[in-house]
Amino acid sequence: MEFINNLLHNCEETSLNIVKSEETSLSVSEWLKMKFHIAFCKCCRNFGKQTKVMDKALHHHFHTDFSEDATKASPELKDRIKENLKKL
């Protein structure tokens, strides 16, 4: 049983290693345990996919050159927001 416990990670350890693997490289044993767990755990597999999507979105957001005019709200939009806030 100890062999199986050493071979498997739980979901918490696996999710931490998924996030860690995006920033640094894992040791061979950590990587194998993570991959083995992901092969059998649909939740962790989905978590891995979701973190990759978020990482791409954040990378795109912070590495895209936005012009200042494109990021400012129009006066009409500002007025509509103010009106909606007054209704609350």
PDB file of N, CA and C in Angstrom:
ATOM      1  N   MET A   1       0.817  -1.194   0.000  1.00  0.00           N
ATOM      2  CA  MET A   1       0.000   0.000   0.000  1.00  0.00           C
ATOM      3  C   MET A   1       0.866   1.265   0.000  1.00  0.00           C
ATOM      4  N   GLU A   2       2.006   1.216   0.658  1.00  0.00           N
ATOM      5  CA  GLU A   2       2.893   2.372   0.698  1.00  0.00           C
ATOM      6  C   GLU A   2       3.398   2.707  -0.702  1.00  0.00           C
ATOM      7  N   PHE A   3       3.637   1.670  -1.505  1.00  0.00           N
ATOM      8  CA  PHE A   3       4.086   1.884  -2.880  1.00  0.00           C
ATOM      9  C   PHE A   3       3.036   2.671  -3.661  1.00  0.00           C
ATOM     10  N   ILE A   4       1.752   2.298  -3.504  1.00  0.00           N
ATOM     11  CA  ILE A   4       0.661   2.995  -4.202  1.00  0.00           C
ATOM     12  C   ILE A   4       0.564   4.435  -3.722  1.00  0.00           C
ATOM     13  N   ASN A   5       0.671   4.652  -2.413  1.00  0.00           N
ATOM     14  CA  ASN A   5       0.599   6.007  -1.866  1.00  0.00           C
ATOM     15  C   ASN A   5       1.745   6.870  -2.380  1.00  0.00           C
ATOM     16  N   ASN A   6       2.917   6.292  -2.541  1.00  0.00           N
ATOM     17  CA  ASN A   6       4.052   7.043  -3.091  1.00  0.00           C
ATOM     18  C   ASN A   6       3.873   7.324  -4.573  1.00  0.00           C
ATOM     19  N   LEU A   7       3.135   6.467  -5.248  1.00  0.00           N
ATOM     20  CA  LEU A   7       2.919   6.622  -6.678  1.00  0.00           C
ATOM     21  C   LEU A   7       1.843   7.661  -6.987  1.00  0.00           C
ATOM     22  N   LEU A   8       0.861   7.770  -6.108  1.00  0.00           N
ATOM     23  CA  LEU A   8      -0.278   8.648  -6.359  1.00  0.00           C
ATOM     24  C   LEU A   8      -0.188   9.946  -5.578  1.00  0.00           C
ATOM     25  N   HIS A   9      -0.659  10.983  -6.166  1.00  0.00           N
ATOM     26  CA  HIS A   9      -0.874  12.258  -5.486  1.00  0.00           C
ATOM     27  C   HIS A   9      -2.360  12.390  -5.220  1.00  0.00           C
ATOM     28  N   ASN A  10      -2.715  13.199  -4.241  1.00  0.00           N
ATOM     29  CA  ASN A  10      -4.126  13.538  -4.108  1.00  0.00           C
ATOM     30  C   ASN A  10      -4.399  14.772  -4.970  1.00  0.00           C
ATOM     31  N   CYS A  11      -5.653  15.209  -5.019  1.00  0.00           N
ATOM     32  CA  CYS A  11      -6.016  16.330  -5.889  1.00  0.00           C
ATOM     33  C   CYS A  11      -5.329  17.626  -5.465  1.00  0.00           C
ATOM     34  N   GLU A  12      -5.173  17.832  -4.167  1.00  0.00           N
ATOM     35  CA  GLU A  12      -4.538  19.062  -3.700  1.00  0.00           C
ATOM     36  C   GLU A  12      -3.080  19.138  -4.158  1.00  0.00           C
ATOM     37  N   GLU A  13      -2.345  18.061  -3.978  1.00  0.00           N
ATOM     38  CA  GLU A  13      -0.942  18.041  -4.420  1.00  0.00           C
ATOM     39  C   GLU A  13      -0.848  18.184  -5.936  1.00  0.00           C
ATOM     40  N   THR A  14      -1.764  17.534  -6.638  1.00  0.00           N
ATOM     41  CA  THR A  14      -1.745  17.595  -8.096  1.00  0.00           C
ATOM     42  C   THR A  14      -2.040  18.998  -8.592  1.00  0.00           C
ATOM     43  N   SER A  15      -3.046  19.658  -8.014  1.00  0.00           N
ATOM     44  CA  SER A  15      -3.368  21.018  -8.463  1.00  0.00           C
ATOM     45  C   SER A  15      -2.209  21.975  -8.182  1.00  0.00           C
ATOM     46  N   LEU A  16      -1.549  21.807  -7.050  1.00  0.00           N
ATOM     47  CA  LEU A  16      -0.380  22.639  -6.757  1.00  0.00           C
ATOM     48  C   LEU A  16       0.725  22.413  -7.781  1.00  0.00           C
ATOM     49  N   ASN A  17       0.937  21.161  -8.159  1.00  0.00           N
ATOM     50  CA  ASN A  17       1.972  20.860  -9.152  1.00  0.00           C
ATOM     51  C   ASN A  17       1.590  21.339 -10.548  1.00  0.00           C
ATOM     52  N   ILE A  18       0.298  21.356 -10.849  1.00  0.00           N
ATOM     53  CA  ILE A  18      -0.144  21.885 -12.143  1.00  0.00           C
ATOM     54  C   ILE A  18       0.227  23.361 -12.242  1.00  0.00           C
ATOM     55  N   VAL A  19      -0.076  24.100 -11.184  1.00  0.00           N
ATOM     56  CA  VAL A  19       0.239  25.530 -11.167  1.00  0.00           C
ATOM     57  C   VAL A  19       1.753  25.735 -11.149  1.00  0.00           C
ATOM     58  N   LYS A  20       2.435  24.945 -10.345  1.00  0.00           N
ATOM     59  CA  LYS A  20       3.895  25.055 -10.237  1.00  0.00           C
ATOM     60  C   LYS A  20       4.566  24.765 -11.585  1.00  0.00           C
ATOM     61  N   SER A  21       4.030  23.798 -12.318  1.00  0.00           N
ATOM     62  CA  SER A  21       4.644  23.408 -13.590  1.00  0.00           C
ATOM     63  C   SER A  21       4.545  24.505 -14.645  1.00  0.00           C
ATOM     64  N   GLU A  22       3.612  25.447 -14.465  1.00  0.00           N
ATOM     65  CA  GLU A  22       3.501  26.556 -15.412  1.00  0.00           C
ATOM     66  C   GLU A  22       4.616  27.581 -15.209  1.00  0.00           C
ATOM     67  N   GLU A  23       5.177  27.606 -14.006  1.00  0.00           N
ATOM     68  CA  GLU A  23       6.205  28.599 -13.685  1.00  0.00           C
ATOM     69  C   GLU A  23       7.616  28.016 -13.683  1.00  0.00           C
ATOM     70  N   THR A  24       7.758  26.790 -13.204  1.00  0.00           N
ATOM     71  CA  THR A  24       9.073  26.153 -13.114  1.00  0.00           C
ATOM     72  C   THR A  24       8.965  24.718 -13.605  1.00  0.00           C
ATOM     73  N   SER A  25      10.080  24.045 -13.685  1.00  0.00           N
ATOM     74  CA  SER A  25      10.035  22.636 -14.062  1.00  0.00           C
ATOM     75  C   SER A  25       9.948  21.785 -12.796  1.00  0.00           C
ATOM     76  N   LEU A  26       9.203  20.714 -12.908  1.00  0.00           N
ATOM     77  CA  LEU A  26       9.029  19.790 -11.791  1.00  0.00           C
ATOM     78  C   LEU A  26      10.112  18.726 -11.833  1.00  0.00           C
ATOM     79  N   SER A  27      10.336  18.102 -10.678  1.00  0.00           N
ATOM     80  CA  SER A  27      11.241  16.955 -10.676  1.00  0.00           C
ATOM     81  C   SER A  27      10.561  15.825 -11.445  1.00  0.00           C
ATOM     82  N   VAL A  28      11.312  14.857 -11.859  1.00  0.00           N
ATOM     83  CA  VAL A  28      10.769  13.741 -12.640  1.00  0.00           C
ATOM     84  C   VAL A  28       9.689  13.013 -11.842  1.00  0.00           C
ATOM     85  N   SER A  29       9.935  12.773 -10.560  1.00  0.00           N
ATOM     86  CA  SER A  29       8.945  12.055  -9.751  1.00  0.00           C
ATOM     87  C   SER A  29       7.673  12.875  -9.576  1.00  0.00           C
ATOM     88  N   GLU A  30       7.797  14.190  -9.361  1.00  0.00           N
ATOM     89  CA  GLU A  30       6.610  15.043  -9.237  1.00  0.00           C
ATOM     90  C   GLU A  30       5.819  15.056 -10.540  1.00  0.00           C
ATOM     91  N   TRP A  31       6.531  15.167 -11.652  1.00  0.00           N
ATOM     92  CA  TRP A  31       5.883  15.214 -12.954  1.00  0.00           C
ATOM     93  C   TRP A  31       5.145  13.904 -13.247  1.00  0.00           C
ATOM     94  N   LEU A  32       5.795  12.776 -12.952  1.00  0.00           N
ATOM     95  CA  LEU A  32       5.162  11.470 -13.190  1.00  0.00           C
ATOM     96  C   LEU A  32       3.925  11.283 -12.312  1.00  0.00           C
ATOM     97  N   LYS A  33       4.030  11.655 -11.044  1.00  0.00           N
ATOM     98  CA  LYS A  33       2.879  11.537 -10.143  1.00  0.00           C
ATOM     99  C   LYS A  33       1.727  12.410 -10.632  1.00  0.00           C
ATOM    100  N   MET A  34       2.045  13.622 -11.068  1.00  0.00           N
ATOM    101  CA  MET A  34       1.017  14.532 -11.567  1.00  0.00           C
ATOM    102  C   MET A  34       0.345  13.946 -12.808  1.00  0.00           C
ATOM    103  N   LYS A  35       1.135  13.492 -13.770  1.00  0.00           N
ATOM    104  CA  LYS A  35       0.589  12.937 -15.010  1.00  0.00           C
ATOM    105  C   LYS A  35      -0.239  11.677 -14.751  1.00  0.00           C
ATOM    106  N   PHE A  36       0.215  10.842 -13.830  1.00  0.00           N
ATOM    107  CA  PHE A  36      -0.515   9.613 -13.501  1.00  0.00           C
ATOM    108  C   PHE A  36      -1.854   9.963 -12.867  1.00  0.00           C
ATOM    109  N   HIS A  37      -1.867  10.937 -11.963  1.00  0.00           N
ATOM    110  CA  HIS A  37      -3.105  11.346 -11.313  1.00  0.00           C
ATOM    111  C   HIS A  37      -4.070  11.954 -12.334  1.00  0.00           C
ATOM    112  N   ILE A  38      -3.547  12.816 -13.198  1.00  0.00           N
ATOM    113  CA  ILE A  38      -4.386  13.466 -14.207  1.00  0.00           C
ATOM    114  C   ILE A  38      -5.016  12.441 -15.148  1.00  0.00           C
ATOM    115  N   ALA A  39      -4.310  11.357 -15.400  1.00  0.00           N
ATOM    116  CA  ALA A  39      -4.841  10.320 -16.293  1.00  0.00           C
ATOM    117  C   ALA A  39      -6.126   9.702 -15.741  1.00  0.00           C
ATOM    118  N   PHE A  40      -6.270   9.705 -14.422  1.00  0.00           N
ATOM    119  CA  PHE A  40      -7.435   9.063 -13.812  1.00  0.00           C
ATOM    120  C   PHE A  40      -8.424  10.039 -13.189  1.00  0.00           C
ATOM    121  N   CYS A  41      -8.070  11.293 -13.043  1.00  0.00           N
ATOM    122  CA  CYS A  41      -8.918  12.262 -12.341  1.00  0.00           C
ATOM    123  C   CYS A  41      -9.409  13.335 -13.312  1.00  0.00           C
ATOM    124  N   LYS A  42     -10.685  13.290 -13.630  1.00  0.00           N
ATOM    125  CA  LYS A  42     -11.264  14.233 -14.581  1.00  0.00           C
ATOM    126  C   LYS A  42     -11.230  15.667 -14.036  1.00  0.00           C
ATOM    127  N   CYS A  43     -11.440  15.829 -12.739  1.00  0.00           N
ATOM    128  CA  CYS A  43     -11.437  17.175 -12.140  1.00  0.00           C
ATOM    129  C   CYS A  43     -10.068  17.847 -12.293  1.00  0.00           C
ATOM    130  N   CYS A  44      -9.024  17.124 -12.006  1.00  0.00           N
ATOM    131  CA  CYS A  44      -7.672  17.692 -12.131  1.00  0.00           C
ATOM    132  C   CYS A  44      -7.302  17.919 -13.596  1.00  0.00           C
ATOM    133  N   ARG A  45      -7.777  17.066 -14.465  1.00  0.00           N
ATOM    134  CA  ARG A  45      -7.539  17.236 -15.902  1.00  0.00           C
ATOM    135  C   ARG A  45      -8.202  18.547 -16.367  1.00  0.00           C
ATOM    136  N   ASN A  46      -9.443  18.777 -15.919  1.00  0.00           N
ATOM    137  CA  ASN A  46     -10.141  20.019 -16.264  1.00  0.00           C
ATOM    138  C   ASN A  46      -9.448  21.227 -15.651  1.00  0.00           C
ATOM    139  N   PHE A  47      -8.981  21.094 -14.415  1.00  0.00           N
ATOM    140  CA  PHE A  47      -8.264  22.186 -13.762  1.00  0.00           C
ATOM    141  C   PHE A  47      -7.015  22.560 -14.563  1.00  0.00           C
ATOM    142  N   GLY A  48      -6.300  21.574 -15.043  1.00  0.00           N
ATOM    143  CA  GLY A  48      -5.116  21.826 -15.862  1.00  0.00           C
ATOM    144  C   GLY A  48      -5.453  22.581 -17.134  1.00  0.00           C
ATOM    145  N   LYS A  49      -6.552  22.192 -17.781  1.00  0.00           N
ATOM    146  CA  LYS A  49      -6.979  22.884 -19.001  1.00  0.00           C
ATOM    147  C   LYS A  49      -7.382  24.322 -18.694  1.00  0.00           C
ATOM    148  N   GLN A  50      -8.095  24.507 -17.577  1.00  0.00           N
ATOM    149  CA  GLN A  50      -8.547  25.847 -17.203  1.00  0.00           C
ATOM    150  C   GLN A  50      -7.373  26.769 -16.882  1.00  0.00           C
ATOM    151  N   THR A  51      -6.357  26.247 -16.201  1.00  0.00           N
ATOM    152  CA  THR A  51      -5.211  27.098 -15.868  1.00  0.00           C
ATOM    153  C   THR A  51      -4.448  27.503 -17.127  1.00  0.00           C
ATOM    154  N   LYS A  52      -4.396  26.622 -18.113  1.00  0.00           N
ATOM    155  CA  LYS A  52      -3.732  26.975 -19.371  1.00  0.00           C
ATOM    156  C   LYS A  52      -4.491  28.078 -20.098  1.00  0.00           C
ATOM    157  N   VAL A  53      -5.826  27.998 -20.095  1.00  0.00           N
ATOM    158  CA  VAL A  53      -6.633  29.027 -20.741  1.00  0.00           C
ATOM    159  C   VAL A  53      -6.448  30.364 -20.028  1.00  0.00           C
ATOM    160  N   MET A  54      -6.487  30.345 -18.697  1.00  0.00           N
ATOM    161  CA  MET A  54      -6.301  31.585 -17.933  1.00  0.00           C
ATOM    162  C   MET A  54      -4.912  32.169 -18.153  1.00  0.00           C
ATOM    163  N   ASP A  55      -3.910  31.299 -18.209  1.00  0.00           N
ATOM    164  CA  ASP A  55      -2.539  31.768 -18.429  1.00  0.00           C
ATOM    165  C   ASP A  55      -2.407  32.453 -19.783  1.00  0.00           C
ATOM    166  N   LYS A  56      -3.016  31.867 -20.818  1.00  0.00           N
ATOM    167  CA  LYS A  56      -2.982  32.478 -22.148  1.00  0.00           C
ATOM    168  C   LYS A  56      -3.709  33.815 -22.159  1.00  0.00           C
ATOM    169  N   ALA A  57      -4.870  33.879 -21.493  1.00  0.00           N
ATOM    170  CA  ALA A  57      -5.645  35.121 -21.461  1.00  0.00           C
ATOM    171  C   ALA A  57      -4.881  36.222 -20.725  1.00  0.00           C
ATOM    172  N   LEU A  58      -4.285  35.884 -19.606  1.00  0.00           N
ATOM    173  CA  LEU A  58      -3.516  36.870 -18.850  1.00  0.00           C
ATOM    174  C   LEU A  58      -2.286  37.330 -19.624  1.00  0.00           C
ATOM    175  N   HIS A  59      -1.631  36.383 -20.277  1.00  0.00           N
ATOM    176  CA  HIS A  59      -0.462  36.728 -21.082  1.00  0.00           C
ATOM    177  C   HIS A  59      -0.866  37.693 -22.200  1.00  0.00           C
ATOM    178  N   HIS A  60      -1.978  37.375 -22.865  1.00  0.00           N
ATOM    179  CA  HIS A  60      -2.459  38.239 -23.947  1.00  0.00           C
ATOM    180  C   HIS A  60      -2.818  39.618 -23.401  1.00  0.00           C
ATOM    181  N   HIS A  61      -3.497  39.654 -22.253  1.00  0.00           N
ATOM    182  CA  HIS A  61      -3.933  40.930 -21.685  1.00  0.00           C
ATOM    183  C   HIS A  61      -2.753  41.819 -21.315  1.00  0.00           C
ATOM    184  N   PHE A  62      -1.745  41.247 -20.682  1.00  0.00           N
ATOM    185  CA  PHE A  62      -0.631  42.046 -20.207  1.00  0.00           C
ATOM    186  C   PHE A  62       0.453  42.295 -21.247  1.00  0.00           C
ATOM    187  N   HIS A  63       0.380  41.596 -22.368  1.00  0.00           N
ATOM    188  CA  HIS A  63       1.400  41.792 -23.393  1.00  0.00           C
ATOM    189  C   HIS A  63       0.845  42.393 -24.683  1.00  0.00           C
ATOM    190  N   THR A  64      -0.397  42.875 -24.620  1.00  0.00           N
ATOM    191  CA  THR A  64      -0.988  43.539 -25.764  1.00  0.00           C
ATOM    192  C   THR A  64      -0.879  45.041 -25.547  1.00  0.00           C
ATOM    193  N   ASP A  65      -0.469  45.747 -26.562  1.00  0.00           N
ATOM    194  CA  ASP A  65      -0.310  47.196 -26.455  1.00  0.00           C
ATOM    195  C   ASP A  65      -1.658  47.854 -26.725  1.00  0.00           C
ATOM    196  N   PHE A  66      -2.300  48.329 -25.663  1.00  0.00           N
ATOM    197  CA  PHE A  66      -3.572  49.015 -25.797  1.00  0.00           C
ATOM    198  C   PHE A  66      -3.315  50.515 -25.905  1.00  0.00           C
ATOM    199  N   SER A  67      -3.925  51.133 -26.887  1.00  0.00           N
ATOM    200  CA  SER A  67      -3.820  52.588 -26.962  1.00  0.00           C
ATOM    201  C   SER A  67      -4.729  53.181 -25.893  1.00  0.00           C
ATOM    202  N   GLU A  68      -4.388  54.347 -25.406  1.00  0.00           N
ATOM    203  CA  GLU A  68      -5.160  54.954 -24.317  1.00  0.00           C
ATOM    204  C   GLU A  68      -6.578  55.278 -24.757  1.00  0.00           C
ATOM    205  N   ASP A  69      -6.767  55.675 -26.007  1.00  0.00           N
ATOM    206  CA  ASP A  69      -8.102  56.005 -26.499  1.00  0.00           C
ATOM    207  C   ASP A  69      -9.002  54.776 -26.530  1.00  0.00           C
ATOM    208  N   ALA A  70      -8.439  53.621 -26.856  1.00  0.00           N
ATOM    209  CA  ALA A  70      -9.236  52.403 -26.956  1.00  0.00           C
ATOM    210  C   ALA A  70      -9.696  51.912 -25.585  1.00  0.00           C
ATOM    211  N   THR A  71      -9.003  52.295 -24.521  1.00  0.00           N
ATOM    212  CA  THR A  71      -9.355  51.810 -23.189  1.00  0.00           C
ATOM    213  C   THR A  71     -10.244  52.775 -22.418  1.00  0.00           C
ATOM    214  N   LYS A  72     -10.506  53.962 -22.967  1.00  0.00           N
ATOM    215  CA  LYS A  72     -11.369  54.929 -22.293  1.00  0.00           C
ATOM    216  C   LYS A  72     -12.817  54.733 -22.721  1.00  0.00           C
ATOM    217  N   ALA A  73     -13.714  54.910 -21.749  1.00  0.00           N
ATOM    218  CA  ALA A  73     -15.140  54.794 -22.039  1.00  0.00           C
ATOM    219  C   ALA A  73     -15.615  56.072 -22.719  1.00  0.00           C
ATOM    220  N   SER A  74     -16.572  55.924 -23.612  1.00  0.00           N
ATOM    221  CA  SER A  74     -17.137  57.086 -24.292  1.00  0.00           C
ATOM    222  C   SER A  74     -18.014  57.867 -23.307  1.00  0.00           C
ATOM    223  N   PRO A  75     -18.226  59.138 -23.563  1.00  0.00           N
ATOM    224  CA  PRO A  75     -19.094  59.929 -22.679  1.00  0.00           C
ATOM    225  C   PRO A  75     -20.513  59.351 -22.577  1.00  0.00           C
ATOM    226  N   GLU A  76     -21.008  58.789 -23.677  1.00  0.00           N
ATOM    227  CA  GLU A  76     -22.346  58.195 -23.670  1.00  0.00           C
ATOM    228  C   GLU A  76     -22.391  56.989 -22.723  1.00  0.00           C
ATOM    229  N   LEU A  77     -21.370  56.175 -22.775  1.00  0.00           N
ATOM    230  CA  LEU A  77     -21.309  55.010 -21.893  1.00  0.00           C
ATOM    231  C   LEU A  77     -21.220  55.444 -20.434  1.00  0.00           C
ATOM    232  N   LYS A  78     -20.426  56.453 -20.167  1.00  0.00           N
ATOM    233  CA  LYS A  78     -20.305  56.965 -18.798  1.00  0.00           C
ATOM    234  C   LYS A  78     -21.660  57.461 -18.285  1.00  0.00           C
ATOM    235  N   ASP A  79     -22.398  58.157 -19.151  1.00  0.00           N
ATOM    236  CA  ASP A  79     -23.719  58.656 -18.753  1.00  0.00           C
ATOM    237  C   ASP A  79     -24.689  57.513 -18.474  1.00  0.00           C
ATOM    238  N   ARG A  80     -24.670  56.489 -19.317  1.00  0.00           N
ATOM    239  CA  ARG A  80     -25.549  55.329 -19.099  1.00  0.00           C
ATOM    240  C   ARG A  80     -25.212  54.621 -17.792  1.00  0.00           C
ATOM    241  N   ILE A  81     -23.930  54.501 -17.487  1.00  0.00           N
ATOM    242  CA  ILE A  81     -23.512  53.853 -16.237  1.00  0.00           C
ATOM    243  C   ILE A  81     -23.989  54.670 -15.043  1.00  0.00           C
ATOM    244  N   LYS A  82     -23.837  55.996 -15.121  1.00  0.00           N
ATOM    245  CA  LYS A  82     -24.284  56.863 -14.029  1.00  0.00           C
ATOM    246  C   LYS A  82     -25.798  56.734 -13.810  1.00  0.00           C
ATOM    247  N   GLU A  83     -26.554  56.710 -14.895  1.00  0.00           N
ATOM    248  CA  GLU A  83     -28.008  56.574 -14.791  1.00  0.00           C
ATOM    249  C   GLU A  83     -28.406  55.238 -14.154  1.00  0.00           C
ATOM    250  N   ASN A  84     -27.735  54.177 -14.565  1.00  0.00           N
ATOM    251  CA  ASN A  84     -28.038  52.859 -13.998  1.00  0.00           C
ATOM    252  C   ASN A  84     -27.663  52.786 -12.511  1.00  0.00           C
ATOM    253  N   LEU A  85     -26.600  53.462 -12.132  1.00  0.00           N
ATOM    254  CA  LEU A  85     -26.218  53.472 -10.726  1.00  0.00           C
ATOM    255  C   LEU A  85     -27.209  54.247  -9.881  1.00  0.00           C
ATOM    256  N   LYS A  86     -27.779  55.302 -10.441  1.00  0.00           N
ATOM    257  CA  LYS A  86     -28.789  56.083  -9.719  1.00  0.00           C
ATOM    258  C   LYS A  86     -30.041  55.255  -9.452  1.00  0.00           C
ATOM    259  N   LYS A  87     -30.364  54.347 -10.377  1.00  0.00           N
ATOM    260  CA  LYS A  87     -31.548  53.501 -10.234  1.00  0.00           C
ATOM    261  C   LYS A  87     -31.395  52.478  -9.112  1.00  0.00           C
ATOM    262  N   LEU A  88     -30.169  52.170  -8.750  1.00  0.00           N
ATOM    263  CA  LEU A  88     -29.924  51.193  -7.686  1.00  0.00           C
ATOM    264  C   LEU A  88     -30.211  51.858  -6.388  1.00  0.00           C
TER     265      LEU A  88
END
